[in-house]
Protein backbone atom coordinates (compact mmCIF):
# COMPACT_ATOMS: atom_id res chain seq x y z
CA MET A 1 -11.17 -31.32 -26.81
CA GLU A 2 -8.50 -33.94 -27.45
CA LYS A 3 -9.12 -37.45 -26.26
CA GLY A 4 -6.48 -39.25 -24.31
CA GLY A 5 -4.55 -38.71 -21.15
CA TRP A 6 -1.25 -37.90 -19.54
CA VAL A 7 0.79 -39.44 -16.76
CA TYR A 8 3.10 -36.92 -15.14
CA LEU A 9 5.58 -36.35 -12.32
CA MET A 10 5.72 -33.23 -10.16
CA THR A 11 8.49 -32.35 -7.71
CA ASP A 12 9.82 -29.50 -5.61
CA LYS A 13 13.49 -29.85 -6.61
CA PRO A 14 15.83 -32.33 -8.33
CA ARG A 15 15.52 -35.71 -6.62
CA GLY A 16 13.05 -34.20 -4.16
CA VAL A 17 9.56 -35.30 -3.20
CA LEU A 18 7.81 -36.98 -6.15
CA TYR A 19 4.12 -37.03 -7.11
CA VAL A 20 2.73 -39.21 -9.90
CA GLY A 21 -0.60 -38.15 -11.38
CA VAL A 22 -2.91 -38.71 -14.33
CA THR A 23 -5.05 -36.19 -16.19
CA ALA A 24 -6.86 -35.58 -19.45
CA ASP A 25 -5.74 -31.91 -19.49
CA LEU A 26 -2.08 -31.54 -18.53
CA ALA A 27 -1.86 -27.75 -18.82
CA ARG A 28 -4.90 -27.23 -16.58
CA ARG A 29 -3.74 -29.77 -14.01
CA VAL A 30 -0.21 -28.38 -13.79
CA GLY A 31 -1.70 -24.91 -13.39
CA GLU A 32 -3.75 -26.20 -10.46
CA HIS A 33 -0.66 -27.70 -8.84
CA GLN A 34 1.27 -24.48 -9.33
CA ALA A 35 -1.59 -22.52 -7.74
CA GLY A 36 -1.55 -24.88 -4.77
CA VAL A 37 -5.03 -26.30 -5.40
CA GLY A 38 -6.36 -29.66 -6.53
CA SER A 39 -3.94 -31.88 -4.61
CA VAL A 40 -3.45 -31.70 -0.87
CA PHE A 41 -0.20 -33.67 -1.18
CA CYS A 42 1.31 -31.33 -3.79
CA ALA A 43 0.19 -28.24 -1.88
CA ARG A 44 1.60 -29.56 1.39
CA TRP A 45 5.02 -30.35 -0.07
CA GLY A 46 5.21 -27.43 -2.53
CA LEU A 47 5.36 -29.64 -5.62
CA ARG A 48 5.07 -27.15 -8.47
CA ARG A 49 7.67 -28.35 -11.00
CA LEU A 50 6.54 -30.63 -13.85
CA VAL A 51 9.59 -32.75 -14.72
CA TRP A 52 8.17 -35.66 -16.74
CA ALA A 53 5.03 -36.40 -18.75
CA GLU A 54 3.90 -39.20 -21.04
CA ARG A 55 0.94 -38.96 -23.45
CA PHE A 56 -1.55 -41.78 -24.10
CA GLY A 57 -4.32 -42.22 -26.64
CA SER A 58 -6.91 -42.95 -23.95
CA ILE A 59 -7.40 -41.95 -20.34
CA GLU A 60 -7.76 -45.65 -19.49
CA ALA A 61 -4.27 -46.39 -20.84
CA ALA A 62 -2.90 -43.39 -18.95
CA THR A 63 -4.54 -44.60 -15.73
CA ARG A 64 -3.00 -48.06 -16.16
CA ARG A 65 0.44 -46.50 -16.64
CA GLU A 66 -0.04 -44.19 -13.63
CA LYS A 67 -0.82 -47.20 -11.41
CA GLN A 68 2.25 -48.98 -12.76
CA VAL A 69 4.59 -46.03 -12.13
CA LYS A 70 3.14 -45.41 -8.66
CA ARG A 71 4.15 -48.96 -7.69
CA TRP A 72 7.74 -48.41 -8.82
CA ARG A 73 10.60 -47.91 -6.45
CA ARG A 74 11.72 -44.33 -5.98
CA ASP A 75 15.04 -44.88 -7.77
CA TRP A 76 13.17 -46.19 -10.85
CA LYS A 77 11.07 -43.00 -10.93
CA ILE A 78 14.22 -40.90 -10.65
CA ALA A 79 15.79 -42.85 -13.53
CA LEU A 80 12.62 -42.27 -15.60
CA VAL A 81 12.91 -38.49 -15.13
CA GLU A 82 16.66 -38.41 -15.69
CA ALA A 83 16.42 -40.41 -18.93
CA GLY A 84 14.60 -37.54 -20.60
CA ASN A 85 15.30 -34.60 -18.30
CA PRO A 86 18.73 -35.07 -16.67
CA GLU A 87 18.83 -31.50 -15.32
CA TRP A 88 15.36 -31.82 -13.74
CA GLY A 89 14.29 -28.65 -15.52
CA GLU A 90 10.65 -27.70 -15.50
CA ILE A 91 8.92 -28.81 -18.68
CA LEU A 92 6.01 -26.87 -20.09
CA PRO A 93 2.72 -28.71 -20.58
CA TRP A 94 1.74 -26.61 -23.62
């Protein structure tokens, strides 16, 4: 298994509800979100679209980045997504 981690953003629609998470296995975690399990918040709001992800060499570095992004203002998070995914299309974790 690869070492490292991912920070990612899930949403329901462009500029919709945003969820910032961290995981060591992005494909598995996104699959859980899409199945409506693993996160009460994502299940409640129907957040099944992965729109941004950033890879890190260690889970500790990914966790630090997740905490940083979670503290950001909403418009900064939107700008982060739109810098690499202006159409808010779903990106594939594999």
